[in-house]
Amino acid sequence: MKLCVALDNDSMKENLALALTLKDYDIWLKVGFRSYIRDGKYFLEELKKINPNFKIFLDLKLYDIPNTMADAAQEISKLGVDMFNVHASAGKIAMKEVMNRIKDIPNRPLVLAVTALTSFDNESFKDIYNEDITEKATSFARDSYEAGLDGVVCSAFESLDIKNNISSDFITLTPGIRPFGEDAGDQQRVADINFAFEQHVDFIVVGRPIYKALNPSEVVKRILERL
């Protein structure tokens, strides 16, 4: 299992300062909407300057018509990131188009599909998708696998079901991880490290328990010791 730290601070300065305190760790860094829209490619380059071995997950959740998604995926692949994501809701045709467009790029990024956001509980998810989360997440994962993607973004509660029904090698990345039982905040389907292990999760994403901590480096150290 690998640790991915969410860089969701209020400014690039704060995010870079956080990355600097974590420069000696073998971790992934997640750059999301706010950070990328605000700070762009320059921010990614500055992270790599701090530690060229940092792995970067660009979390933009592409969702559009197939050609537009493929165009965006091609541009993302030029940024030097190691992983990005799309929405499985965009459909199998769109996901196939993304993979066809980038398949010949040397050292292409990993591509994951978002199944069900961890801010959903089952009731609110069902209002939109007319299915229970577990069943639909597995269905989305199957579409993603058949489209040639590398894995999915899901909660820890869907990970094992996806592994068992699709492939044990299909990557699951789970946000909403509260390593030591911290407050869930605006997330509904949260889990701790032990549960993530039991569910065969490949990547855990940890945000606020790290970047809101008085000593983020110590929290990361504790997490890595558990991993």
Protein backbone atom coordinates (compact mmCIF):
# COMPACT_ATOMS: atom_id res chain seq x y z
CA MET A 1 0.00 0.00 0.00
CA LYS A 2 1.26 3.48 -0.92
CA LEU A 3 0.57 6.81 0.76
CA CYS A 4 -0.65 9.77 -1.29
CA VAL A 5 -0.67 13.12 0.53
CA ALA A 6 -3.30 15.63 -0.59
CA LEU A 7 -1.87 19.12 -1.09
CA ASP A 8 -5.04 21.07 -0.30
CA ASN A 9 -3.71 24.05 1.62
CA ASP A 10 -4.92 27.59 1.00
CA SER A 11 -1.86 28.70 -0.94
CA MET A 12 0.96 27.36 -3.09
CA LYS A 13 3.42 28.66 -0.50
CA GLU A 14 1.85 26.49 2.19
CA ASN A 15 1.71 23.45 -0.09
CA LEU A 16 5.36 23.81 -1.09
CA ALA A 17 6.33 24.25 2.56
CA LEU A 18 4.47 21.03 3.37
CA ALA A 19 6.17 19.19 0.50
CA LEU A 20 9.54 20.45 1.74
CA THR A 21 8.95 18.93 5.18
CA LEU A 22 8.12 15.61 3.47
CA LYS A 23 10.95 15.62 0.93
CA ASP A 24 12.76 12.63 2.42
CA TYR A 25 9.76 10.30 2.29
CA ASP A 26 8.85 7.88 -0.49
CA ILE A 27 5.32 9.18 -1.08
CA TRP A 28 2.87 10.36 -3.71
CA LEU A 29 1.46 13.88 -3.75
CA LYS A 30 -2.09 14.66 -4.87
CA VAL A 31 -2.69 17.95 -6.66
CA GLY A 32 -6.39 18.72 -6.97
CA PHE A 33 -8.69 21.26 -8.61
CA ARG A 34 -7.97 24.28 -6.46
CA SER A 35 -4.21 23.90 -6.38
CA TYR A 36 -3.87 23.22 -10.11
CA ILE A 37 -6.28 25.94 -11.22
CA ARG A 38 -4.53 28.45 -8.96
CA ASP A 39 -0.90 27.40 -9.45
CA GLY A 40 -0.79 25.36 -12.66
CA LYS A 41 2.17 23.65 -14.27
CA TYR A 42 4.61 25.84 -12.33
CA PHE A 43 3.44 24.23 -9.08
CA LEU A 44 4.11 20.73 -10.46
CA GLU A 45 7.59 21.78 -11.52
CA GLU A 46 8.34 23.26 -8.10
CA LEU A 47 7.28 20.02 -6.40
CA LYS A 48 9.70 18.05 -8.57
CA LYS A 49 12.48 20.50 -7.68
CA ILE A 50 11.94 19.71 -4.00
CA ASN A 51 12.28 15.99 -4.68
CA PRO A 52 12.51 14.63 -8.24
CA ASN A 53 11.36 11.27 -6.89
CA PHE A 54 8.00 12.58 -5.70
CA LYS A 55 5.20 10.86 -7.61
CA ILE A 56 2.39 13.23 -8.56
CA PHE A 57 -1.29 12.35 -8.89
CA LEU A 58 -3.18 15.08 -10.78
CA ASP A 59 -6.73 14.82 -9.48
CA LEU A 60 -8.87 16.68 -12.04
CA LYS A 61 -11.57 14.03 -12.66
CA LEU A 62 -12.01 14.57 -16.39
CA TYR A 63 -15.64 14.35 -17.50
CA ASP A 64 -16.66 15.54 -20.96
CA ILE A 65 -17.32 14.22 -24.44
CA PRO A 66 -14.83 11.53 -25.54
CA ASN A 67 -12.68 13.66 -27.86
CA THR A 68 -12.38 16.49 -25.35
CA MET A 69 -11.37 14.07 -22.61
CA ALA A 70 -8.79 12.48 -24.89
CA ASP A 71 -7.40 15.90 -25.82
CA ALA A 72 -7.08 16.81 -22.15
CA ALA A 73 -5.47 13.46 -21.31
CA GLN A 74 -2.89 14.01 -24.04
CA GLU A 75 -2.00 17.42 -22.60
CA ILE A 76 -1.86 16.07 -19.04
CA SER A 77 0.56 13.40 -20.22
CA LYS A 78 2.99 16.17 -21.21
CA LEU A 79 3.07 17.61 -17.69
CA GLY A 80 5.29 14.91 -16.18
CA VAL A 81 2.68 13.68 -13.71
CA ASP A 82 2.57 10.02 -12.76
CA MET A 83 -1.18 9.50 -12.47
CA PHE A 84 -4.43 11.28 -13.31
CA ASN A 85 -8.11 10.44 -13.24
CA VAL A 86 -11.34 10.61 -15.21
CA HIS A 87 -14.97 10.03 -14.27
CA ALA A 88 -16.27 6.55 -15.04
CA SER A 89 -19.67 8.23 -15.50
CA ALA A 90 -18.35 9.59 -18.79
CA GLY A 91 -18.76 6.07 -20.15
CA LYS A 92 -16.70 3.29 -21.65
CA ILE A 93 -16.37 4.95 -25.08
CA ALA A 94 -14.83 8.07 -23.53
CA MET A 95 -12.46 6.05 -21.36
CA LYS A 96 -11.36 3.96 -24.34
CA GLU A 97 -10.73 7.15 -26.30
CA VAL A 98 -8.52 8.46 -23.49
CA MET A 99 -6.46 5.29 -23.40
CA ASN A 100 -6.16 5.06 -27.18
CA ARG A 101 -4.89 8.62 -27.31
CA ILE A 102 -2.10 8.15 -24.76
CA LYS A 103 -1.23 4.46 -25.20
CA ASP A 104 1.93 5.13 -27.25
CA ILE A 105 3.31 7.85 -24.96
CA PRO A 106 6.53 6.60 -23.29
CA ASN A 107 6.07 6.15 -19.56
CA ARG A 108 2.47 7.30 -19.79
CA PRO A 109 0.76 8.20 -16.51
CA LEU A 110 -1.45 5.72 -14.74
CA VAL A 111 -5.11 6.44 -15.41
CA LEU A 112 -7.82 5.81 -12.83
CA ALA A 113 -11.58 6.26 -13.05
CA VAL A 114 -13.66 7.80 -10.28
CA THR A 115 -16.52 5.49 -9.31
CA ALA A 116 -18.44 7.07 -6.39
CA LEU A 117 -17.18 10.14 -4.57
CA THR A 118 -16.57 9.52 -0.88
CA SER A 119 -18.79 12.50 -0.02
CA PHE A 120 -21.81 10.39 -1.08
CA ASP A 121 -23.71 8.21 1.32
CA ASN A 122 -25.79 5.45 -0.26
CA GLU A 123 -29.03 7.42 -0.24
CA SER A 124 -27.64 10.52 -1.96
CA PHE A 125 -25.78 8.35 -4.47
CA LYS A 126 -28.93 6.39 -5.27
CA ASP A 127 -30.84 9.64 -5.89
CA ILE A 128 -28.53 10.28 -8.85
CA TYR A 129 -27.55 6.84 -10.15
CA ASN A 130 -30.61 4.77 -9.11
CA GLU A 131 -28.35 2.01 -7.78
CA ASP A 132 -26.61 1.21 -4.51
CA ILE A 133 -23.02 2.41 -4.27
CA THR A 134 -21.39 -1.01 -4.04
CA GLU A 135 -23.12 -2.43 -7.12
CA LYS A 136 -22.62 0.68 -9.23
CA ALA A 137 -19.00 1.17 -8.15
CA THR A 138 -18.22 -2.38 -9.26
CA SER A 139 -20.07 -1.81 -12.54
CA PHE A 140 -18.11 1.39 -13.15
CA ALA A 141 -14.90 -0.44 -12.30
CA ARG A 142 -15.70 -3.19 -14.79
CA ASP A 143 -16.28 -0.59 -17.52
CA SER A 144 -12.97 1.04 -16.61
CA TYR A 145 -11.11 -2.27 -16.69
CA GLU A 146 -12.59 -3.20 -20.06
CA ALA A 147 -11.67 0.25 -21.39
CA GLY A 148 -8.02 -0.42 -20.50
CA LEU A 149 -7.61 1.85 -17.49
CA ASP A 150 -5.19 0.99 -14.68
CA GLY A 151 -7.63 1.23 -11.78
CA VAL A 152 -10.31 3.20 -10.00
CA VAL A 153 -10.88 5.75 -7.28
CA CYS A 154 -13.33 4.36 -4.75
CA SER A 155 -13.89 4.24 -1.02
CA ALA A 156 -12.26 1.50 1.02
CA PHE A 157 -15.71 -0.08 1.37
CA GLU A 158 -15.83 -0.97 -2.36
CA SER A 159 -12.19 -1.95 -2.86
CA LEU A 160 -12.29 -5.64 -2.01
CA ASP A 161 -15.48 -6.22 -3.97
CA ILE A 162 -13.84 -4.64 -7.02
CA LYS A 163 -10.70 -6.72 -6.57
CA ASN A 164 -12.68 -9.93 -6.18
CA ASN A 165 -15.01 -9.31 -9.11
CA ILE A 166 -12.64 -7.77 -11.62
CA SER A 167 -8.94 -8.34 -10.97
CA SER A 168 -6.67 -8.42 -7.95
CA ASP A 169 -4.16 -6.37 -9.99
CA PHE A 170 -6.65 -3.60 -10.79
CA ILE A 171 -5.56 -0.57 -8.75
CA THR A 172 -7.84 0.86 -6.07
CA LEU A 173 -7.08 4.31 -4.69
CA THR A 174 -9.15 5.40 -1.72
CA PRO A 175 -9.70 8.97 -0.50
CA GLY A 176 -11.36 9.65 2.82
CA ILE A 177 -8.72 7.86 4.86
CA ARG A 178 -8.52 8.90 8.49
CA PRO A 179 -5.39 6.96 9.52
CA PHE A 180 -5.92 7.00 13.26
CA GLY A 181 -9.67 7.60 13.53
CA GLU A 182 -9.67 11.37 12.98
CA ASP A 183 -12.86 13.37 12.32
CA ALA A 184 -14.56 12.56 9.01
CA GLY A 185 -15.24 16.20 8.08
CA ASP A 186 -17.33 16.40 4.88
CA GLN A 187 -16.64 12.79 3.91
CA GLN A 188 -19.26 10.07 4.40
CA ARG A 189 -17.43 6.80 3.68
CA VAL A 190 -14.19 7.06 5.63
CA ALA A 191 -11.87 4.32 6.86
CA ASP A 192 -8.70 3.86 8.86
CA ILE A 193 -5.48 2.15 7.77
CA ASN A 194 -6.36 -1.24 9.21
CA PHE A 195 -9.61 -1.39 7.27
CA ALA A 196 -7.84 -0.24 4.07
CA PHE A 197 -5.38 -3.13 4.50
CA GLU A 198 -8.22 -5.60 4.96
CA GLN A 199 -9.83 -4.33 1.75
CA HIS A 200 -6.59 -4.71 -0.27
CA VAL A 201 -6.37 -1.00 -1.09
CA ASP A 202 -3.33 -0.03 -3.20
CA PHE A 203 -3.21 3.73 -2.52
CA ILE A 204 -4.58 5.65 0.45
CA VAL A 205 -5.10 9.39 0.14
CA VAL A 206 -4.67 11.37 3.34
CA GLY A 207 -5.30 15.10 3.46
CA ARG A 208 -6.43 17.03 6.51
CA PRO A 209 -4.97 14.63 9.11
CA ILE A 210 -1.58 15.51 7.60
CA TYR A 211 -1.73 19.10 6.36
CA LYS A 212 -3.73 20.32 9.37
CA ALA A 213 -1.36 18.65 11.84
CA LEU A 214 1.07 20.62 13.97
CA ASN A 215 3.82 18.26 12.79
CA PRO A 216 2.86 16.83 9.36
CA SER A 217 6.18 15.01 9.02
CA GLU A 218 5.58 13.07 12.21
CA VAL A 219 2.10 12.04 11.05
CA VAL A 220 3.50 10.83 7.72
CA LYS A 221 6.22 8.92 9.54
CA ARG A 222 3.61 7.19 11.72
CA ILE A 223 1.51 6.29 8.69
CA LEU A 224 4.47 4.88 6.77
CA GLU A 225 5.46 2.80 9.79
CA ARG A 226 1.99 1.24 9.65
CA LEU A 227 2.27 0.61 5.92
